[in-house]
Amino acid sequence: MRHLKSLAAASLLCLAPAAVLAQTVESPWLLHFGAHVVDPKSDTGRIAGMKSSTTNSTRPTLSVEYRFTPNWSVEALAAVPFQHRVRLAGQSAVSVKQLPPVLGVNYRFLPESKVTPFLGVGVNYTRFFDAKGRNALEGANVDVGSSWGVAWHGGVEVALDDRWSFIVDARYINIDAKVKVDGTRVGTAHVDPWVYGFSFGYRL
């Protein structure tokens, strides 16, 4: 019996460090949810010979992040479809929706600090859909093409506790979309927006 007690005590001593380690190891997966504004540049080029501009749009966003080291992570960003109006010569001409998912890599400068700035870069695919002509283009078949481009990312993350964090960030995305009306190309919209907002992060 004494040998059994000694063996049990030794087993507990061996398992204790593993139990402590299991409690301290952090999950590499994080979920972010918040809201962002897609704010196109003021002059988005000439379409059908007229100066064009595009309104901004705010929608809820969601991203999943995997941190493979304390400094480096991969993040996939998604959102509820954004909706914009395109103006030609100051008059509303097209309404269109778009989805701009981004897959990128982020680098955190101070991963062990409560407040850490980060920078990142990734690739964006923007799909425009449900384009409708307005006013002079009412009833016309308007098509806005999809776009691939580079997405630059930066922001600051503030740790709230062991699981929760608060993030403010901004992205600059290169978006160039070909525009057709009734099958004829009438120009390219150089949207190139800033995408900025906030989110809460939760470590899974």
N, C-alpha and C. Protein backbone atom coordinates (compact mmCIF):
# COMPACT_ATOMS: atom_id res chain seq x y z
N MET A 1 0.84 -1.21 0.00
CA MET A 1 0.00 0.00 0.00
C MET A 1 0.87 1.26 0.00
N ARG A 2 1.96 1.19 0.77
CA ARG A 2 2.85 2.36 0.82
C ARG A 2 3.46 2.61 -0.54
N HIS A 3 3.79 1.50 -1.27
CA HIS A 3 4.37 1.67 -2.61
C HIS A 3 3.35 2.28 -3.57
N LEU A 4 2.09 1.87 -3.41
CA LEU A 4 1.05 2.42 -4.27
C LEU A 4 0.86 3.91 -4.04
N LYS A 5 0.93 4.31 -2.74
CA LYS A 5 0.80 5.73 -2.43
C LYS A 5 1.96 6.53 -3.02
N SER A 6 3.15 5.96 -2.94
CA SER A 6 4.34 6.64 -3.48
C SER A 6 4.23 6.78 -4.99
N LEU A 7 3.73 5.70 -5.65
CA LEU A 7 3.58 5.74 -7.10
C LEU A 7 2.54 6.77 -7.52
N ALA A 8 1.43 6.85 -6.78
CA ALA A 8 0.39 7.83 -7.08
C ALA A 8 0.90 9.25 -6.91
N ALA A 9 1.66 9.47 -5.82
CA ALA A 9 2.22 10.80 -5.59
C ALA A 9 3.18 11.19 -6.70
N ALA A 10 4.00 10.24 -7.14
CA ALA A 10 4.95 10.52 -8.22
C ALA A 10 4.21 10.83 -9.51
N SER A 11 3.12 10.10 -9.77
CA SER A 11 2.34 10.35 -10.98
C SER A 11 1.74 11.74 -10.98
N LEU A 12 1.22 12.16 -9.83
CA LEU A 12 0.65 13.50 -9.73
C LEU A 12 1.69 14.57 -9.96
N LEU A 13 2.90 14.34 -9.44
CA LEU A 13 3.97 15.32 -9.64
C LEU A 13 4.35 15.43 -11.11
N CYS A 14 4.29 14.31 -11.83
CA CYS A 14 4.62 14.33 -13.25
C CYS A 14 3.53 15.01 -14.07
N LEU A 15 2.26 14.81 -13.65
CA LEU A 15 1.15 15.38 -14.40
C LEU A 15 0.92 16.85 -14.12
N ALA A 16 1.37 17.32 -12.94
CA ALA A 16 1.12 18.71 -12.55
C ALA A 16 1.67 19.72 -13.54
N PRO A 17 2.96 19.60 -13.97
CA PRO A 17 3.47 20.58 -14.94
C PRO A 17 2.67 20.57 -16.23
N ALA A 18 2.24 19.37 -16.70
CA ALA A 18 1.46 19.29 -17.93
C ALA A 18 0.12 19.99 -17.77
N ALA A 19 -0.50 19.85 -16.60
CA ALA A 19 -1.79 20.51 -16.36
C ALA A 19 -1.63 22.02 -16.34
N VAL A 20 -0.56 22.50 -15.69
CA VAL A 20 -0.30 23.94 -15.66
C VAL A 20 -0.05 24.46 -17.06
N LEU A 21 0.73 23.69 -17.86
CA LEU A 21 1.03 24.10 -19.22
C LEU A 21 -0.24 24.17 -20.05
N ALA A 22 -1.14 23.17 -19.88
CA ALA A 22 -2.39 23.16 -20.64
C ALA A 22 -3.23 24.38 -20.33
N GLN A 23 -3.17 24.86 -19.08
CA GLN A 23 -3.95 26.02 -18.70
C GLN A 23 -3.37 27.32 -19.25
N THR A 24 -2.04 27.35 -19.46
CA THR A 24 -1.39 28.60 -19.87
C THR A 24 -1.23 28.72 -21.39
N VAL A 25 -1.29 27.59 -22.13
CA VAL A 25 -1.15 27.67 -23.57
C VAL A 25 -2.39 28.34 -24.16
N GLU A 26 -2.18 29.37 -24.98
CA GLU A 26 -3.28 30.12 -25.56
C GLU A 26 -3.65 29.55 -26.92
N SER A 27 -4.92 29.57 -27.23
CA SER A 27 -5.37 29.13 -28.54
C SER A 27 -4.87 30.10 -29.60
N PRO A 28 -4.43 29.59 -30.76
CA PRO A 28 -3.97 30.49 -31.83
C PRO A 28 -5.10 31.09 -32.64
N TRP A 29 -6.35 30.67 -32.40
CA TRP A 29 -7.48 31.12 -33.19
C TRP A 29 -8.19 32.28 -32.52
N LEU A 30 -8.49 33.32 -33.30
CA LEU A 30 -9.23 34.47 -32.80
C LEU A 30 -10.35 34.82 -33.76
N LEU A 31 -11.46 35.27 -33.19
CA LEU A 31 -12.61 35.71 -33.96
C LEU A 31 -12.82 37.20 -33.69
N HIS A 32 -12.94 38.00 -34.76
CA HIS A 32 -13.16 39.43 -34.63
C HIS A 32 -14.52 39.79 -35.23
N PHE A 33 -15.28 40.62 -34.53
CA PHE A 33 -16.53 41.11 -35.08
C PHE A 33 -16.68 42.58 -34.76
N GLY A 34 -17.12 43.36 -35.75
CA GLY A 34 -17.23 44.81 -35.55
C GLY A 34 -17.96 45.47 -36.69
N ALA A 35 -17.55 46.68 -37.05
CA ALA A 35 -18.18 47.43 -38.15
C ALA A 35 -17.11 48.28 -38.84
N HIS A 36 -17.23 48.37 -40.17
CA HIS A 36 -16.25 49.13 -40.94
C HIS A 36 -16.93 49.97 -42.02
N VAL A 37 -16.26 51.04 -42.40
CA VAL A 37 -16.72 51.95 -43.45
C VAL A 37 -15.84 51.74 -44.68
N VAL A 38 -16.46 51.53 -45.83
CA VAL A 38 -15.74 51.55 -47.10
C VAL A 38 -15.89 52.95 -47.67
N ASP A 39 -14.79 53.68 -47.73
CA ASP A 39 -14.80 55.10 -48.11
C ASP A 39 -13.98 55.29 -49.39
N PRO A 40 -14.61 55.22 -50.58
CA PRO A 40 -13.88 55.38 -51.84
C PRO A 40 -13.24 56.76 -51.95
N LYS A 41 -12.18 56.83 -52.76
CA LYS A 41 -11.57 58.15 -52.96
C LYS A 41 -12.56 59.06 -53.68
N SER A 42 -12.36 60.35 -53.55
CA SER A 42 -13.36 61.32 -54.02
C SER A 42 -13.53 61.31 -55.54
N ASP A 43 -12.45 61.09 -56.27
CA ASP A 43 -12.52 61.06 -57.74
C ASP A 43 -12.22 59.64 -58.20
N THR A 44 -13.23 58.94 -58.68
CA THR A 44 -13.03 57.54 -59.08
C THR A 44 -12.87 57.38 -60.59
N GLY A 45 -12.48 58.45 -61.27
CA GLY A 45 -12.18 58.36 -62.70
C GLY A 45 -13.32 58.85 -63.56
N ARG A 46 -13.14 58.73 -64.89
CA ARG A 46 -14.15 59.18 -65.85
C ARG A 46 -14.86 57.97 -66.46
N ILE A 47 -16.18 58.02 -66.39
CA ILE A 47 -17.02 56.96 -66.95
C ILE A 47 -17.99 57.61 -67.94
N ALA A 48 -18.04 57.07 -69.15
CA ALA A 48 -18.86 57.66 -70.23
C ALA A 48 -18.53 59.13 -70.43
N GLY A 49 -17.24 59.46 -70.25
CA GLY A 49 -16.79 60.83 -70.46
C GLY A 49 -17.10 61.79 -69.34
N MET A 50 -17.68 61.31 -68.26
CA MET A 50 -18.06 62.17 -67.14
C MET A 50 -17.29 61.79 -65.87
N LYS A 51 -17.05 62.79 -65.04
CA LYS A 51 -16.38 62.55 -63.77
C LYS A 51 -17.27 61.73 -62.86
N SER A 52 -16.69 60.69 -62.23
CA SER A 52 -17.49 59.81 -61.37
C SER A 52 -17.02 59.91 -59.91
N SER A 53 -17.96 59.65 -59.01
CA SER A 53 -17.66 59.55 -57.59
C SER A 53 -18.54 58.46 -57.01
N THR A 54 -18.12 57.90 -55.88
CA THR A 54 -18.83 56.77 -55.28
C THR A 54 -19.05 57.04 -53.80
N THR A 55 -20.27 56.82 -53.33
CA THR A 55 -20.59 57.06 -51.92
C THR A 55 -19.98 55.99 -51.03
N ASN A 56 -19.82 56.33 -49.74
CA ASN A 56 -19.30 55.35 -48.79
C ASN A 56 -20.43 54.47 -48.25
N SER A 57 -20.04 53.43 -47.50
CA SER A 57 -21.02 52.50 -46.96
C SER A 57 -20.45 51.85 -45.71
N THR A 58 -21.31 51.67 -44.69
CA THR A 58 -20.91 51.07 -43.42
C THR A 58 -21.68 49.77 -43.20
N ARG A 59 -20.96 48.70 -42.82
CA ARG A 59 -21.59 47.41 -42.62
C ARG A 59 -20.87 46.64 -41.50
N PRO A 60 -21.56 45.66 -40.89
CA PRO A 60 -20.90 44.76 -39.93
C PRO A 60 -19.83 43.91 -40.63
N THR A 61 -18.76 43.62 -39.91
CA THR A 61 -17.67 42.81 -40.47
C THR A 61 -17.31 41.68 -39.52
N LEU A 62 -16.69 40.65 -40.08
CA LEU A 62 -16.26 39.48 -39.32
C LEU A 62 -14.95 38.99 -39.89
N SER A 63 -14.01 38.63 -39.02
CA SER A 63 -12.76 38.06 -39.51
C SER A 63 -12.31 36.93 -38.59
N VAL A 64 -11.58 35.99 -39.17
CA VAL A 64 -10.97 34.88 -38.44
C VAL A 64 -9.46 35.01 -38.58
N GLU A 65 -8.77 34.90 -37.46
CA GLU A 65 -7.31 35.09 -37.45
C GLU A 65 -6.63 33.89 -36.81
N TYR A 66 -5.51 33.48 -37.40
CA TYR A 66 -4.70 32.39 -36.85
C TYR A 66 -3.29 32.93 -36.60
N ARG A 67 -2.87 32.91 -35.32
CA ARG A 67 -1.53 33.40 -34.97
C ARG A 67 -0.57 32.22 -34.88
N PHE A 68 0.32 32.11 -35.88
CA PHE A 68 1.25 30.99 -35.87
C PHE A 68 2.53 31.30 -35.11
N THR A 69 2.76 32.59 -34.75
CA THR A 69 3.78 32.98 -33.77
C THR A 69 3.18 34.17 -33.01
N PRO A 70 3.79 34.60 -31.90
CA PRO A 70 3.26 35.79 -31.21
C PRO A 70 3.22 37.04 -32.10
N ASN A 71 4.15 37.12 -33.06
CA ASN A 71 4.23 38.30 -33.92
C ASN A 71 3.40 38.18 -35.20
N TRP A 72 3.40 36.99 -35.79
CA TRP A 72 2.84 36.82 -37.13
C TRP A 72 1.49 36.11 -37.09
N SER A 73 0.58 36.55 -37.97
CA SER A 73 -0.73 35.91 -38.06
C SER A 73 -1.27 36.01 -39.48
N VAL A 74 -2.22 35.14 -39.78
CA VAL A 74 -2.97 35.17 -41.04
C VAL A 74 -4.41 35.49 -40.71
N GLU A 75 -5.04 36.40 -41.48
CA GLU A 75 -6.40 36.83 -41.19
C GLU A 75 -7.25 36.85 -42.45
N ALA A 76 -8.48 36.35 -42.33
CA ALA A 76 -9.45 36.40 -43.43
C ALA A 76 -10.61 37.29 -43.00
N LEU A 77 -10.88 38.32 -43.81
CA LEU A 77 -11.91 39.30 -43.49
C LEU A 77 -13.12 39.12 -44.40
N ALA A 78 -14.31 39.16 -43.80
CA ALA A 78 -15.56 39.10 -44.56
C ALA A 78 -16.51 40.17 -44.03
N ALA A 79 -17.62 40.38 -44.75
CA ALA A 79 -18.56 41.43 -44.33
C ALA A 79 -19.93 41.18 -44.94
N VAL A 80 -20.93 41.85 -44.36
CA VAL A 80 -22.23 41.96 -45.00
C VAL A 80 -22.05 42.82 -46.25
N PRO A 81 -22.73 42.54 -47.35
CA PRO A 81 -22.51 43.32 -48.58
C PRO A 81 -22.66 44.83 -48.38
N PHE A 82 -21.67 45.56 -48.87
CA PHE A 82 -21.73 47.01 -48.87
C PHE A 82 -22.54 47.49 -50.07
N GLN A 83 -23.19 48.64 -49.94
CA GLN A 83 -23.98 49.19 -51.04
C GLN A 83 -23.54 50.63 -51.31
N HIS A 84 -23.32 50.94 -52.60
CA HIS A 84 -22.84 52.26 -52.99
C HIS A 84 -23.71 52.84 -54.09
N ARG A 85 -23.63 54.15 -54.23
CA ARG A 85 -24.21 54.85 -55.38
C ARG A 85 -23.08 55.53 -56.14
N VAL A 86 -23.10 55.32 -57.44
CA VAL A 86 -22.11 55.95 -58.31
C VAL A 86 -22.75 57.17 -58.95
N ARG A 87 -22.07 58.31 -58.81
CA ARG A 87 -22.58 59.55 -59.40
C ARG A 87 -21.75 59.90 -60.64
N LEU A 88 -22.42 60.33 -61.68
CA LEU A 88 -21.76 60.83 -62.89
C LEU A 88 -22.11 62.30 -63.06
N ALA A 89 -21.07 63.13 -63.09
CA ALA A 89 -21.26 64.58 -63.17
C ALA A 89 -22.16 65.08 -62.05
N GLY A 90 -22.05 64.45 -60.87
CA GLY A 90 -22.79 64.87 -59.70
C GLY A 90 -24.18 64.28 -59.56
N GLN A 91 -24.65 63.55 -60.58
CA GLN A 91 -26.00 62.98 -60.53
C GLN A 91 -25.93 61.48 -60.30
N SER A 92 -26.79 60.96 -59.42
CA SER A 92 -26.83 59.53 -59.15
C SER A 92 -27.14 58.76 -60.43
N ALA A 93 -26.29 57.78 -60.77
CA ALA A 93 -26.44 57.06 -62.04
C ALA A 93 -26.54 55.54 -61.85
N VAL A 94 -25.88 55.01 -60.81
CA VAL A 94 -25.86 53.56 -60.61
C VAL A 94 -25.88 53.25 -59.12
N SER A 95 -26.66 52.25 -58.73
CA SER A 95 -26.53 51.69 -57.38
C SER A 95 -25.97 50.29 -57.53
N VAL A 96 -25.07 49.91 -56.63
CA VAL A 96 -24.41 48.61 -56.76
C VAL A 96 -24.00 48.09 -55.39
N LYS A 97 -24.01 46.78 -55.24
CA LYS A 97 -23.54 46.14 -54.01
C LYS A 97 -22.20 45.47 -54.28
N GLN A 98 -21.42 45.26 -53.21
CA GLN A 98 -20.13 44.60 -53.38
C GLN A 98 -19.71 43.87 -52.12
N LEU A 99 -18.97 42.79 -52.32
CA LEU A 99 -18.35 42.02 -51.24
C LEU A 99 -16.84 42.08 -51.43
N PRO A 100 -16.08 42.55 -50.42
CA PRO A 100 -14.64 42.73 -50.57
C PRO A 100 -13.79 41.85 -49.64
N PRO A 101 -13.89 40.51 -49.69
CA PRO A 101 -13.09 39.70 -48.78
C PRO A 101 -11.59 39.94 -48.96
N VAL A 102 -10.87 39.87 -47.84
CA VAL A 102 -9.41 40.10 -47.85
C VAL A 102 -8.74 38.95 -47.10
N LEU A 103 -7.68 38.42 -47.66
CA LEU A 103 -6.83 37.43 -46.98
C LEU A 103 -5.45 38.05 -46.86
N GLY A 104 -4.96 38.18 -45.62
CA GLY A 104 -3.69 38.87 -45.43
C GLY A 104 -2.86 38.34 -44.28
N VAL A 105 -1.65 38.89 -44.18
CA VAL A 105 -0.70 38.55 -43.11
C VAL A 105 -0.47 39.80 -42.29
N ASN A 106 -0.51 39.66 -40.95
CA ASN A 106 -0.27 40.78 -40.04
C ASN A 106 0.98 40.54 -39.20
N TYR A 107 1.66 41.64 -38.85
CA TYR A 107 2.82 41.57 -37.96
C TYR A 107 2.58 42.48 -36.77
N ARG A 108 2.63 41.93 -35.56
CA ARG A 108 2.47 42.71 -34.32
C ARG A 108 3.84 43.05 -33.76
N PHE A 109 4.03 44.33 -33.42
CA PHE A 109 5.33 44.79 -32.97
C PHE A 109 5.58 44.48 -31.50
N LEU A 110 4.54 44.51 -30.66
CA LEU A 110 4.71 44.29 -29.22
C LEU A 110 3.69 43.25 -28.74
N PRO A 111 3.84 42.00 -29.15
CA PRO A 111 2.80 41.00 -28.88
C PRO A 111 2.57 40.71 -27.41
N GLU A 112 3.55 40.99 -26.54
CA GLU A 112 3.38 40.72 -25.11
C GLU A 112 2.83 41.92 -24.35
N SER A 113 2.66 43.05 -25.03
CA SER A 113 2.17 44.25 -24.36
C SER A 113 0.64 44.33 -24.42
N LYS A 114 0.08 45.12 -23.52
CA LYS A 114 -1.37 45.30 -23.52
C LYS A 114 -1.82 46.05 -24.77
N VAL A 115 -1.01 46.99 -25.22
CA VAL A 115 -1.31 47.75 -26.43
C VAL A 115 -0.25 47.43 -27.48
N THR A 116 -0.67 46.92 -28.62
CA THR A 116 0.31 46.57 -29.65
C THR A 116 -0.14 47.07 -31.02
N PRO A 117 0.70 47.86 -31.70
CA PRO A 117 0.40 48.25 -33.07
C PRO A 117 0.75 47.10 -34.03
N PHE A 118 0.12 47.11 -35.20
CA PHE A 118 0.41 46.07 -36.18
C PHE A 118 0.30 46.62 -37.59
N LEU A 119 0.99 45.96 -38.50
CA LEU A 119 0.93 46.27 -39.93
C LEU A 119 0.72 44.97 -40.68
N GLY A 120 0.08 45.08 -41.85
CA GLY A 120 -0.15 43.88 -42.64
C GLY A 120 -0.33 44.18 -44.11
N VAL A 121 -0.34 43.12 -44.89
CA VAL A 121 -0.57 43.24 -46.32
C VAL A 121 -1.28 41.97 -46.78
N GLY A 122 -2.13 42.12 -47.79
CA GLY A 122 -2.86 40.95 -48.26
C GLY A 122 -3.39 41.15 -49.66
N VAL A 123 -4.26 40.23 -50.05
CA VAL A 123 -4.88 40.30 -51.37
C VAL A 123 -6.38 40.43 -51.20
N ASN A 124 -6.97 41.26 -52.03
CA ASN A 124 -8.41 41.52 -51.99
C ASN A 124 -9.07 41.08 -53.29
N TYR A 125 -10.25 40.47 -53.14
CA TYR A 125 -11.10 40.18 -54.30
C TYR A 125 -12.43 40.87 -54.05
N THR A 126 -12.79 41.81 -54.89
CA THR A 126 -14.06 42.52 -54.75
C THR A 126 -15.00 42.09 -55.86
N ARG A 127 -16.16 41.61 -55.44
CA ARG A 127 -17.19 41.21 -56.41
C ARG A 127 -18.35 42.20 -56.34
N PHE A 128 -18.60 42.88 -57.44
CA PHE A 128 -19.74 43.79 -57.54
C PHE A 128 -20.95 43.04 -58.12
N PHE A 129 -22.13 43.35 -57.61
CA PHE A 129 -23.33 42.67 -58.09
C PHE A 129 -24.56 43.55 -57.86
N ASP A 130 -25.66 43.13 -58.46
CA ASP A 130 -26.94 43.83 -58.32
C ASP A 130 -26.81 45.31 -58.71
N ALA A 131 -26.11 45.56 -59.82
CA ALA A 131 -25.97 46.94 -60.31
C ALA A 131 -27.25 47.35 -61.03
N LYS A 132 -27.74 48.55 -60.72
CA LYS A 132 -28.97 49.06 -61.32
C LYS A 132 -28.78 50.50 -61.77
N GLY A 133 -29.24 50.80 -62.97
CA GLY A 133 -29.16 52.16 -63.48
C GLY A 133 -30.19 53.06 -62.82
N ARG A 134 -29.81 54.31 -62.59
CA ARG A 134 -30.71 55.31 -62.00
C ARG A 134 -30.76 56.55 -62.90
N ASN A 135 -31.85 57.29 -62.79
CA ASN A 135 -32.01 58.54 -63.53
C ASN A 135 -31.76 58.33 -65.03
N ALA A 136 -30.70 58.92 -65.60
CA ALA A 136 -30.45 58.80 -67.03
C ALA A 136 -30.19 57.37 -67.46
N LEU A 137 -29.73 56.52 -66.54
CA LEU A 137 -29.45 55.11 -66.87
C LEU A 137 -30.57 54.17 -66.40
N GLU A 138 -31.70 54.72 -66.02
CA GLU A 138 -32.84 53.90 -65.57
C GLU A 138 -33.21 52.90 -66.68
N GLY A 139 -33.26 51.61 -66.30
CA GLY A 139 -33.63 50.56 -67.25
C GLY A 139 -32.46 50.02 -68.06
N ALA A 140 -31.29 50.65 -68.00
CA ALA A 140 -30.12 50.16 -68.74
C ALA A 140 -29.52 48.95 -68.03
N ASN A 141 -28.86 48.11 -68.81
CA ASN A 141 -28.17 46.95 -68.26
C ASN A 141 -26.75 47.37 -67.86
N VAL A 142 -26.55 47.58 -66.56
CA VAL A 142 -25.26 48.06 -66.06
C VAL A 142 -24.49 46.89 -65.43
N ASP A 143 -23.24 46.73 -65.83
CA ASP A 143 -22.40 45.66 -65.28
C ASP A 143 -21.11 46.27 -64.74
N VAL A 144 -20.80 45.97 -63.48
CA VAL A 144 -19.55 46.42 -62.86
C VAL A 144 -18.70 45.18 -62.60
N GLY A 145 -17.53 45.12 -63.21
CA GLY A 145 -16.69 43.93 -63.14
C GLY A 145 -16.03 43.74 -61.79
N SER A 146 -15.58 42.52 -61.54
CA SER A 146 -14.87 42.19 -60.30
C SER A 146 -13.44 42.71 -60.35
N SER A 147 -12.80 42.74 -59.19
CA SER A 147 -11.46 43.32 -59.09
C SER A 147 -10.58 42.52 -58.14
N TRP A 148 -9.31 42.34 -58.53
CA TRP A 148 -8.27 41.80 -57.65
C TRP A 148 -7.30 42.93 -57.35
N GLY A 149 -6.84 43.02 -56.08
CA GLY A 149 -5.88 44.07 -55.75
C GLY A 149 -5.18 43.85 -54.42
N VAL A 150 -4.18 44.67 -54.18
CA VAL A 150 -3.42 44.60 -52.93
C VAL A 150 -4.18 45.36 -51.84
N ALA A 151 -4.15 44.83 -50.62
CA ALA A 151 -4.79 45.47 -49.48
C ALA A 151 -3.75 45.68 -48.38
N TRP A 152 -3.49 46.94 -48.03
CA TRP A 152 -2.57 47.28 -46.95
C TRP A 152 -3.37 47.44 -45.66
N HIS A 153 -2.78 47.03 -44.54
CA HIS A 153 -3.53 46.97 -43.29
C HIS A 153 -2.67 47.52 -42.14
N GLY A 154 -3.30 48.24 -41.22
CA GLY A 154 -2.61 48.74 -40.04
C GLY A 154 -3.60 49.07 -38.94
N GLY A 155 -3.12 49.04 -37.69
CA GLY A 155 -4.01 49.37 -36.59
C GLY A 155 -3.36 49.16 -35.24
N VAL A 156 -4.19 49.20 -34.22
CA VAL A 156 -3.75 49.03 -32.83
C VAL A 156 -4.71 48.08 -32.13
N GLU A 157 -4.15 47.14 -31.38
CA GLU A 157 -4.96 46.20 -30.60
C GLU A 157 -4.72 46.43 -29.11
N VAL A 158 -5.81 46.48 -28.35
CA VAL A 158 -5.73 46.68 -26.90
C VAL A 158 -6.31 45.45 -26.22
N ALA A 159 -5.51 44.77 -25.39
CA ALA A 159 -5.98 43.60 -24.66
C ALA A 159 -6.88 44.03 -23.51
N LEU A 160 -8.08 43.47 -23.46
CA LEU A 160 -9.01 43.78 -22.37
C LEU A 160 -8.90 42.78 -21.23
N ASP A 161 -8.66 41.52 -21.57
CA ASP A 161 -8.37 40.47 -20.59
C ASP A 161 -7.71 39.32 -21.35
N ASP A 162 -7.70 38.12 -20.77
CA ASP A 162 -7.00 37.00 -21.40
C ASP A 162 -7.62 36.57 -22.73
N ARG A 163 -8.90 36.86 -22.92
CA ARG A 163 -9.59 36.41 -24.14
C ARG A 163 -10.05 37.55 -25.04
N TRP A 164 -10.42 38.67 -24.47
CA TRP A 164 -11.02 39.75 -25.24
C TRP A 164 -10.02 40.85 -25.57
N SER A 165 -10.20 41.45 -26.74
CA SER A 165 -9.37 42.59 -27.14
C SER A 165 -10.23 43.55 -27.96
N PHE A 166 -9.75 44.78 -28.08
CA PHE A 166 -10.42 45.81 -28.86
C PHE A 166 -9.46 46.31 -29.91
N ILE A 167 -9.92 46.41 -31.16
CA ILE A 167 -9.05 46.76 -32.27
C ILE A 167 -9.63 47.92 -33.06
N VAL A 168 -8.80 48.90 -33.37
CA VAL A 168 -9.13 49.92 -34.36
C VAL A 168 -8.14 49.74 -35.51
N ASP A 169 -8.64 49.75 -36.73
CA ASP A 169 -7.75 49.48 -37.85
C ASP A 169 -8.22 50.17 -39.11
N ALA A 170 -7.36 50.15 -40.11
CA ALA A 170 -7.67 50.74 -41.42
C ALA A 170 -6.97 49.93 -42.50
N ARG A 171 -7.63 49.83 -43.62
CA ARG A 171 -7.06 49.18 -44.80
C ARG A 171 -7.13 50.13 -45.99
N TYR A 172 -6.13 50.07 -46.85
CA TYR A 172 -6.20 50.77 -48.14
C TYR A 172 -6.20 49.68 -49.20
N ILE A 173 -7.26 49.64 -50.02
CA ILE A 173 -7.44 48.56 -50.97
C ILE A 173 -7.45 49.10 -52.40
N ASN A 174 -6.67 48.45 -53.26
CA ASN A 174 -6.64 48.83 -54.67
C ASN A 174 -7.79 48.12 -55.39
N ILE A 175 -8.82 48.88 -55.79
CA ILE A 175 -9.98 48.32 -56.49
C ILE A 175 -10.19 49.09 -57.79
N ASP A 176 -10.06 48.39 -58.92
CA ASP A 176 -10.32 48.96 -60.24
C ASP A 176 -11.34 48.06 -60.93
N ALA A 177 -12.51 48.60 -61.25
CA ALA A 177 -13.59 47.80 -61.81
C ALA A 177 -14.04 48.36 -63.17
N LYS A 178 -14.08 47.49 -64.16
CA LYS A 178 -14.56 47.90 -65.48
C LYS A 178 -16.08 48.03 -65.46
N VAL A 179 -16.57 49.09 -66.10
CA VAL A 179 -18.01 49.36 -66.12
C VAL A 179 -18.53 49.26 -67.55
N LYS A 180 -19.63 48.48 -67.71
CA LYS A 180 -20.27 48.34 -69.01
C LYS A 180 -21.74 48.76 -68.91
N VAL A 181 -22.23 49.38 -69.95
CA VAL A 181 -23.65 49.75 -70.05
C VAL A 181 -24.18 49.15 -71.34
N ASP A 182 -25.18 48.28 -71.21
CA ASP A 182 -25.76 47.56 -72.35
C ASP A 182 -24.68 46.88 -73.18
N GLY A 183 -23.71 46.28 -72.46
CA GLY A 183 -22.66 45.50 -73.12
C GLY A 183 -21.48 46.29 -73.63
N THR A 184 -21.54 47.62 -73.59
CA THR A 184 -20.45 48.47 -74.09
C THR A 184 -19.64 49.01 -72.92
N ARG A 185 -18.33 48.84 -72.98
CA ARG A 185 -17.50 49.37 -71.90
C ARG A 185 -17.46 50.89 -71.96
N VAL A 186 -17.74 51.53 -70.81
CA VAL A 186 -17.81 52.99 -70.77
C VAL A 186 -16.73 53.59 -69.86
N GLY A 187 -15.89 52.74 -69.27
CA GLY A 187 -14.83 53.26 -68.43
C GLY A 187 -14.45 52.30 -67.32
N THR A 188 -13.53 52.75 -66.46
CA THR A 188 -13.08 51.97 -65.31
C THR A 188 -13.22 52.80 -64.05
N ALA A 189 -13.88 52.24 -63.04
CA ALA A 189 -14.03 52.93 -61.76
C ALA A 189 -12.82 52.61 -60.89
N HIS A 190 -12.02 53.62 -60.58
CA HIS A 190 -10.85 53.46 -59.70
C HIS A 190 -11.31 53.78 -58.27
N VAL A 191 -11.88 52.79 -57.61
CA VAL A 191 -12.53 53.01 -56.32
C VAL A 191 -11.50 53.27 -55.22
N ASP A 192 -10.49 52.43 -55.11
CA ASP A 192 -9.35 52.57 -54.19
C ASP A 192 -9.75 53.13 -52.82
N PRO A 193 -10.58 52.41 -52.07
CA PRO A 193 -11.10 52.98 -50.82
C PRO A 193 -10.18 52.80 -49.62
N TRP A 194 -10.38 53.64 -48.62
CA TRP A 194 -9.95 53.37 -47.25
C TRP A 194 -11.09 52.62 -46.57
N VAL A 195 -10.73 51.59 -45.85
CA VAL A 195 -11.71 50.81 -45.08
C VAL A 195 -11.29 50.90 -43.62
N TYR A 196 -12.07 51.58 -42.80
CA TYR A 196 -11.66 51.80 -41.42
C TYR A 196 -12.81 51.52 -40.46
N GLY A 197 -12.45 51.13 -39.24
CA GLY A 197 -13.49 50.84 -38.26
C GLY A 197 -12.92 50.23 -37.00
N PHE A 198 -13.73 49.44 -36.33
CA PHE A 198 -13.33 48.84 -35.05
C PHE A 198 -13.87 47.42 -34.98
N SER A 199 -13.31 46.63 -34.07
CA SER A 199 -13.82 45.29 -33.83
C SER A 199 -13.42 44.84 -32.44
N PHE A 200 -14.13 43.84 -31.96
CA PHE A 200 -13.77 43.15 -30.72
C PHE A 200 -13.23 41.77 -31.10
N GLY A 201 -12.12 41.41 -30.49
CA GLY A 201 -11.52 40.11 -30.75
C GLY A 201 -11.76 39.16 -29.58
N TYR A 202 -12.01 37.88 -29.91
CA TYR A 202 -12.24 36.86 -28.89
C TYR A 202 -11.38 35.64 -29.21
N ARG A 203 -10.52 35.26 -28.25
CA ARG A 203 -9.67 34.08 -28.45
C ARG A 203 -10.49 32.82 -28.16
N LEU A 204 -10.57 31.93 -29.15
CA LEU A 204 -11.39 30.73 -29.04
C LEU A 204 -10.74 29.68 -28.13
